[in-house]
Amino acid sequence: MISVPAMLFDLIQAPLRWQVLNAGLQLDLFDRLTDGCDVAELAASLGLDQRRLMVVLDALCAMELLDKQGCRYQLAASAAPYLRSDSDRSLRPMLQTLPLLRHADVLAVLRGEGAETPPDLSDPAFWDRSAASLRSFHRGMGVDLMIGLLESLPEWPSVRRVLDLGAGSETLALRIIDQRPQRTVTVLDLPPLAARIAGAVDDRVRVISGDFNETDLGGPHDLIWASMTLYFARDLTAVLRKARQALAAGGVFVSLHEGLTRQKTAPESHVIGRLVPALRGVNVSFEHGQIATALRQAGFAEVESRQVATPFGLIELDVARGEG
């Protein structure tokens, strides 16, 4: 447990870590340094002062994102999968998009100063960025966790038909199919995202374009997966009842969402991570036990819940079975 003085001191440096990383992203340092480069050559190619560039490169080394030998710098092997633009697990799209949602002058927002410009939902570029960010998150730090949780279920070996509710990307569906080709996977998402998912899959994955509040969920499905998507349920119990009715006999519904505790003041990763959207009126986080309660109200006879440690914070896993 970090002491309060240590935590407060660390907060002084925390914004600088992001600024250094962001500078690396904006300057494309991580691709440029994949095979290593002398600082003088790098500074010349970027048109930057060599001395100041070296200070930033040393900071990236301190963060263990680069390695240094003399005046030569190279992308660290452990960081390469997540920072190279050509990596299947690159987090760069997420790193360049998510801060736009999470970072702001908190005091200014608190005082109501400056109007937020809402995203233009008719702009294809907005949905391109959203799809790329979600795909990046899923590939880089989500899908291995999700598959591990699915494989922990006793029903998983016999599951043949899966629905990914509000999928966000095709990543989980393709991993499921690749592991066992005889499975069929359906993904459902809003039309702009569904169109982009459909363009990234073949006929092994069925794509439903629509709003899960209104769209038929098809079925019967052996398993329905809902991760970080139930915020959009206008009536949570009604959506979960609809999901239960789309399950085959013996089917299972799996939810992966945060569960706030301590009067909605923990875990810190979710409370702070969603601070700016909450200040702007988009306060959608679930409380501990909220989804489990709604699952029981929706008619599931058995609901198991546990907390799961993830790279993006403590998450609540709810597994629901049977009819009440």
Protein backbone atom coordinates (compact mmCIF):
# COMPACT_ATOMS: atom_id res chain seq x y z
CA MET A 1 0.00 0.00 0.00
CA ILE A 2 1.57 3.28 -1.12
CA SER A 3 1.74 5.97 1.56
CA VAL A 4 -0.25 9.18 1.18
CA PRO A 5 2.90 11.35 0.83
CA ALA A 6 4.29 8.99 -1.82
CA MET A 7 0.97 9.02 -3.68
CA LEU A 8 0.75 12.81 -3.60
CA PHE A 9 4.33 13.18 -4.82
CA ASP A 10 3.72 10.67 -7.61
CA LEU A 11 0.75 12.73 -8.82
CA ILE A 12 3.14 15.55 -9.67
CA GLN A 13 4.94 13.26 -12.13
CA ALA A 14 1.94 11.33 -13.44
CA PRO A 15 0.86 13.95 -16.02
CA LEU A 16 4.44 14.16 -17.27
CA ARG A 17 4.50 10.43 -18.00
CA TRP A 18 1.52 10.84 -20.28
CA GLN A 19 3.01 13.91 -21.96
CA VAL A 20 6.26 12.07 -22.65
CA LEU A 21 4.40 9.07 -24.07
CA ASN A 22 2.17 11.32 -26.15
CA ALA A 23 5.22 13.12 -27.54
CA GLY A 24 6.58 9.75 -28.57
CA LEU A 25 3.31 8.91 -30.31
CA GLN A 26 3.04 12.26 -32.07
CA LEU A 27 6.66 12.08 -33.28
CA ASP A 28 6.27 8.44 -34.32
CA LEU A 29 9.31 7.59 -32.19
CA PHE A 30 8.30 4.01 -31.53
CA ASP A 31 8.19 3.02 -35.20
CA ARG A 32 11.34 5.01 -35.91
CA LEU A 33 13.18 3.24 -33.09
CA THR A 34 12.02 -0.31 -33.82
CA ASP A 35 15.48 -1.26 -35.07
CA GLY A 36 17.37 1.35 -33.07
CA CYS A 37 18.80 4.71 -34.06
CA ASP A 38 21.53 7.12 -33.00
CA VAL A 39 20.13 10.23 -31.31
CA ALA A 40 21.97 12.59 -33.67
CA GLU A 41 20.50 10.88 -36.72
CA LEU A 42 17.04 10.83 -35.15
CA ALA A 43 17.19 14.51 -34.19
CA ALA A 44 18.26 15.46 -37.71
CA SER A 45 15.44 13.47 -39.30
CA LEU A 46 12.89 15.13 -36.99
CA GLY A 47 14.37 18.61 -37.18
CA LEU A 48 14.71 18.74 -33.39
CA ASP A 49 17.39 19.87 -30.99
CA GLN A 50 19.53 16.84 -30.15
CA ARG A 51 20.04 17.75 -26.50
CA ARG A 52 16.35 18.24 -25.77
CA LEU A 53 15.39 15.13 -27.73
CA MET A 54 17.82 13.08 -25.67
CA VAL A 55 16.12 14.28 -22.47
CA VAL A 56 12.78 12.97 -23.75
CA LEU A 57 14.31 9.70 -24.95
CA ASP A 58 15.94 9.20 -21.56
CA ALA A 59 12.54 9.72 -19.93
CA LEU A 60 11.06 7.03 -22.17
CA CYS A 61 13.91 4.77 -21.09
CA ALA A 62 13.09 5.54 -17.46
CA MET A 63 9.53 4.38 -18.22
CA GLU A 64 11.05 1.18 -19.70
CA LEU A 65 9.57 1.86 -23.12
CA LEU A 66 12.98 2.35 -24.76
CA ASP A 67 16.42 0.81 -24.26
CA LYS A 68 19.63 2.85 -24.42
CA GLN A 69 23.18 1.91 -25.37
CA GLY A 70 25.45 4.94 -25.45
CA CYS A 71 23.79 7.40 -27.81
CA ARG A 72 21.68 4.73 -29.49
CA TYR A 73 18.04 4.18 -28.55
CA GLN A 74 15.75 1.28 -29.42
CA LEU A 75 12.14 0.35 -28.71
CA ALA A 76 12.04 -2.05 -25.76
CA ALA A 77 11.04 -5.59 -26.73
CA SER A 78 8.38 -5.70 -24.00
CA ALA A 79 6.76 -2.49 -25.30
CA ALA A 80 7.01 -3.23 -29.03
CA PRO A 81 3.76 -5.24 -29.38
CA TYR A 82 1.77 -2.34 -27.93
CA LEU A 83 3.52 0.68 -29.46
CA ARG A 84 4.44 -0.37 -33.00
CA SER A 85 1.83 0.73 -35.50
CA ASP A 86 2.10 -2.51 -37.50
CA SER A 87 1.54 -4.80 -34.51
CA ASP A 88 -1.70 -6.78 -34.22
CA ARG A 89 -1.77 -5.83 -30.53
CA SER A 90 -0.92 -2.17 -30.97
CA LEU A 91 -2.61 0.09 -28.42
CA ARG A 92 -1.81 3.24 -30.38
CA PRO A 93 -5.35 3.90 -31.68
CA MET A 94 -6.70 3.61 -28.13
CA LEU A 95 -3.90 5.74 -26.69
CA GLN A 96 -4.63 8.47 -29.22
CA THR A 97 -8.43 8.40 -28.77
CA LEU A 98 -9.29 7.62 -25.15
CA PRO A 99 -7.51 10.66 -23.66
CA LEU A 100 -9.82 12.89 -25.70
CA LEU A 101 -12.68 11.49 -23.60
CA ARG A 102 -10.91 11.22 -20.25
CA HIS A 103 -8.68 14.29 -20.05
CA ALA A 104 -9.86 17.84 -19.40
CA ASP A 105 -9.35 20.80 -17.09
CA VAL A 106 -11.41 19.43 -14.21
CA LEU A 107 -11.73 22.76 -12.44
CA ALA A 108 -12.97 24.45 -15.61
CA VAL A 109 -15.52 21.70 -16.23
CA LEU A 110 -16.61 21.85 -12.59
CA ARG A 111 -17.21 25.59 -12.93
CA GLY A 112 -19.10 25.08 -16.17
CA GLU A 113 -16.56 27.06 -18.16
CA GLY A 114 -16.26 26.34 -21.85
CA ALA A 115 -18.84 24.35 -23.74
CA GLU A 116 -17.96 20.82 -24.77
CA THR A 117 -18.24 20.17 -28.48
CA PRO A 118 -20.32 17.00 -28.82
CA PRO A 119 -19.10 14.44 -31.36
CA ASP A 120 -20.68 14.54 -34.79
CA LEU A 121 -22.35 11.13 -34.94
CA SER A 122 -23.02 11.60 -38.65
CA ASP A 123 -19.29 11.89 -39.38
CA PRO A 124 -17.84 8.59 -40.64
CA ALA A 125 -14.44 9.63 -39.27
CA PHE A 126 -15.87 9.61 -35.73
CA TRP A 127 -16.98 6.00 -36.10
CA ASP A 128 -13.70 5.05 -37.80
CA ARG A 129 -11.81 6.36 -34.77
CA SER A 130 -14.21 4.68 -32.35
CA ALA A 131 -13.93 1.33 -34.12
CA ALA A 132 -10.14 1.55 -34.30
CA SER A 133 -9.90 2.43 -30.60
CA LEU A 134 -12.16 -0.44 -29.52
CA ARG A 135 -10.35 -2.90 -31.78
CA SER A 136 -7.02 -1.72 -30.36
CA PHE A 137 -8.24 -2.14 -26.78
CA HIS A 138 -9.65 -5.60 -27.45
CA ARG A 139 -6.59 -6.88 -29.30
CA GLY A 140 -4.00 -5.34 -27.01
CA MET A 141 -5.43 -5.96 -23.56
CA GLY A 142 -8.93 -7.42 -23.70
CA VAL A 143 -9.31 -10.57 -25.74
CA ASP A 144 -6.89 -12.79 -23.79
CA LEU A 145 -8.72 -11.90 -20.58
CA MET A 146 -12.13 -12.50 -22.16
CA ILE A 147 -11.16 -15.88 -23.59
CA GLY A 148 -9.69 -16.90 -20.24
CA LEU A 149 -12.95 -16.07 -18.48
CA LEU A 150 -14.97 -17.99 -21.05
CA GLU A 151 -12.69 -21.00 -20.74
CA SER A 152 -13.23 -20.97 -16.96
CA LEU A 153 -16.93 -21.73 -17.44
CA PRO A 154 -17.95 -25.41 -17.14
CA GLU A 155 -20.33 -24.94 -20.09
CA TRP A 156 -17.66 -23.62 -22.45
CA PRO A 157 -16.52 -26.94 -23.99
CA SER A 158 -20.09 -27.66 -25.12
CA VAL A 159 -20.94 -24.14 -26.32
CA ARG A 160 -21.62 -24.01 -30.06
CA ARG A 161 -23.54 -20.76 -30.59
CA VAL A 162 -22.32 -17.46 -29.12
CA LEU A 163 -23.81 -13.96 -29.21
CA ASP A 164 -21.51 -11.01 -28.47
CA LEU A 165 -23.92 -8.27 -27.39
CA GLY A 166 -22.65 -4.80 -28.23
CA ALA A 167 -19.37 -6.28 -29.39
CA GLY A 168 -17.49 -3.09 -30.31
CA SER A 169 -15.17 -5.07 -32.56
CA GLU A 170 -14.80 -8.44 -34.24
CA THR A 171 -11.83 -9.43 -32.08
CA LEU A 172 -13.51 -11.82 -29.65
CA ALA A 173 -15.65 -13.43 -32.34
CA LEU A 174 -12.65 -14.22 -34.52
CA ARG A 175 -10.65 -15.61 -31.60
CA ILE A 176 -13.54 -17.91 -30.67
CA ILE A 177 -13.90 -19.13 -34.27
CA ASP A 178 -10.15 -19.59 -34.69
CA GLN A 179 -9.98 -21.75 -31.57
CA ARG A 180 -12.92 -23.92 -32.59
CA PRO A 181 -14.15 -23.48 -36.19
CA GLN A 182 -17.35 -25.46 -35.62
CA ARG A 183 -18.68 -22.73 -33.35
CA THR A 184 -20.91 -20.00 -34.77
CA VAL A 185 -20.65 -16.46 -33.44
CA THR A 186 -23.10 -13.60 -33.86
CA VAL A 187 -22.17 -10.02 -33.02
CA LEU A 188 -24.71 -7.26 -32.51
CA ASP A 189 -23.85 -3.58 -32.53
CA LEU A 190 -25.11 -0.18 -33.59
CA PRO A 191 -25.24 0.25 -37.39
CA PRO A 192 -22.07 2.36 -37.80
CA LEU A 193 -19.97 -0.10 -35.79
CA ALA A 194 -21.73 -3.15 -37.23
CA ALA A 195 -20.81 -2.00 -40.73
CA ARG A 196 -17.15 -1.74 -39.77
CA ILE A 197 -17.21 -5.12 -38.04
CA ALA A 198 -18.86 -6.72 -41.08
CA GLY A 199 -16.02 -5.41 -43.23
CA ALA A 200 -13.47 -7.20 -41.05
CA VAL A 201 -15.02 -10.69 -40.88
CA ASP A 202 -15.97 -13.46 -43.24
CA ASP A 203 -19.12 -15.61 -43.36
CA ARG A 204 -18.08 -17.48 -40.21
CA VAL A 205 -19.36 -14.53 -38.17
CA ARG A 206 -22.92 -13.23 -38.43
CA VAL A 207 -23.33 -9.48 -37.87
CA ILE A 208 -26.61 -7.98 -36.66
CA SER A 209 -26.95 -4.23 -37.14
CA GLY A 210 -29.18 -2.61 -34.55
CA ASP A 211 -29.88 -1.39 -31.02
CA PHE A 212 -30.18 -4.24 -28.51
CA ASN A 213 -33.00 -2.36 -26.80
CA GLU A 214 -35.14 -2.91 -29.89
CA THR A 215 -33.49 -5.45 -32.19
CA ASP A 216 -34.35 -9.14 -32.04
CA LEU A 217 -31.40 -11.05 -30.56
CA GLY A 218 -31.94 -14.17 -32.64
CA GLY A 219 -31.05 -17.47 -31.12
CA PRO A 220 -31.24 -19.79 -29.49
CA HIS A 221 -27.70 -19.06 -28.26
CA ASP A 222 -25.72 -21.30 -25.92
CA LEU A 223 -23.89 -18.28 -24.49
CA ILE A 224 -24.47 -14.54 -24.57
CA TRP A 225 -21.52 -12.30 -23.73
CA ALA A 226 -21.96 -8.65 -22.71
CA SER A 227 -18.83 -6.67 -21.87
CA MET A 228 -18.82 -2.91 -21.19
CA THR A 229 -22.02 -2.43 -23.15
CA LEU A 230 -25.04 -2.61 -20.83
CA TYR A 231 -24.75 1.12 -20.06
CA PHE A 232 -26.88 1.66 -23.14
CA ALA A 233 -29.81 -0.38 -21.82
CA ARG A 234 -32.80 1.92 -21.41
CA ASP A 235 -34.36 -0.69 -19.10
CA LEU A 236 -31.64 -3.03 -17.84
CA THR A 237 -33.99 -5.72 -16.52
CA ALA A 238 -35.96 -5.73 -19.78
CA VAL A 239 -32.80 -6.14 -21.88
CA LEU A 240 -31.57 -8.98 -19.65
CA ARG A 241 -34.97 -10.69 -19.82
CA LYS A 242 -34.78 -10.42 -23.60
CA ALA A 243 -31.32 -12.00 -23.48
CA ARG A 244 -32.58 -14.84 -21.28
CA GLN A 245 -35.34 -15.56 -23.77
CA ALA A 246 -32.73 -15.75 -26.56
CA LEU A 247 -30.76 -18.46 -24.73
CA ALA A 248 -31.02 -22.15 -25.50
CA ALA A 249 -31.94 -24.58 -22.73
CA GLY A 250 -28.95 -24.74 -20.40
CA GLY A 251 -27.56 -21.53 -21.85
CA VAL A 252 -25.51 -19.02 -19.91
CA PHE A 253 -25.35 -15.22 -19.87
CA VAL A 254 -22.02 -13.60 -18.98
CA SER A 255 -21.58 -9.94 -18.03
CA LEU A 256 -18.25 -8.16 -17.58
CA HIS A 257 -18.62 -4.63 -16.17
CA GLU A 258 -17.30 -2.54 -13.30
CA GLY A 259 -19.04 -2.69 -9.92
CA LEU A 260 -18.47 0.45 -7.87
CA THR A 261 -18.15 0.05 -4.10
CA ARG A 262 -17.68 2.28 -1.02
CA GLN A 263 -20.63 4.47 -1.96
CA LYS A 264 -19.40 4.72 -5.54
CA THR A 265 -15.90 5.91 -4.57
CA ALA A 266 -13.96 2.76 -5.60
CA PRO A 267 -12.25 1.21 -7.50
CA GLU A 268 -10.15 4.29 -8.18
CA SER A 269 -9.39 3.21 -11.76
CA HIS A 270 -13.07 3.51 -12.72
CA VAL A 271 -14.00 6.51 -10.57
CA ILE A 272 -11.09 8.61 -11.84
CA GLY A 273 -11.14 7.14 -15.34
CA ARG A 274 -14.75 8.25 -15.85
CA LEU A 275 -14.51 11.50 -13.92
CA VAL A 276 -14.64 13.88 -16.89
CA PRO A 277 -17.60 12.16 -18.63
CA ALA A 278 -19.40 12.08 -15.26
CA LEU A 279 -18.80 15.81 -14.77
CA ARG A 280 -20.31 16.35 -18.21
CA GLY A 281 -23.42 14.38 -17.27
CA VAL A 282 -22.52 10.94 -18.60
CA ASN A 283 -22.29 9.00 -15.34
CA VAL A 284 -23.04 5.43 -16.37
CA SER A 285 -20.95 3.18 -14.12
CA PHE A 286 -22.70 0.27 -12.43
CA GLU A 287 -22.64 -0.25 -8.69
CA HIS A 288 -21.53 -3.53 -7.11
CA GLY A 289 -24.34 -6.07 -7.41
CA GLN A 290 -26.51 -3.92 -9.67
CA ILE A 291 -26.28 -6.21 -12.69
CA ALA A 292 -26.64 -9.36 -10.56
CA THR A 293 -29.85 -7.96 -9.06
CA ALA A 294 -31.21 -7.11 -12.50
CA LEU A 295 -30.36 -10.61 -13.75
CA ARG A 296 -32.44 -12.15 -10.96
CA GLN A 297 -35.27 -9.74 -11.69
CA ALA A 298 -35.04 -10.80 -15.35
CA GLY A 299 -35.79 -14.39 -14.37
CA PHE A 300 -32.40 -16.07 -14.11
CA ALA A 301 -32.47 -18.71 -11.38
CA GLU A 302 -28.76 -18.77 -10.60
CA VAL A 303 -26.35 -15.83 -10.63
CA GLU A 304 -22.69 -16.13 -9.66
CA SER A 305 -20.55 -13.03 -9.19
CA ARG A 306 -16.87 -12.47 -8.62
CA GLN A 307 -14.31 -9.74 -9.04
CA VAL A 308 -11.61 -10.05 -11.69
CA ALA A 309 -8.30 -8.18 -11.67
CA THR A 310 -7.55 -6.75 -15.12
CA PRO A 311 -4.98 -4.35 -16.62
CA PHE A 312 -7.77 -1.75 -16.73
CA GLY A 313 -8.98 -2.15 -13.15
CA LEU A 314 -11.06 -4.44 -10.97
CA ILE A 315 -14.06 -5.75 -12.92
CA GLU A 316 -17.18 -7.63 -11.84
CA LEU A 317 -18.00 -10.89 -13.62
CA ASP A 318 -21.64 -12.01 -13.41
CA VAL A 319 -22.61 -15.43 -14.76
CA ALA A 320 -26.34 -16.19 -14.98
CA ARG A 321 -28.03 -19.50 -15.68
CA GLY A 322 -31.50 -21.02 -15.86
CA GLU A 323 -35.01 -19.71 -15.52
CA GLY A 324 -36.58 -18.69 -12.24
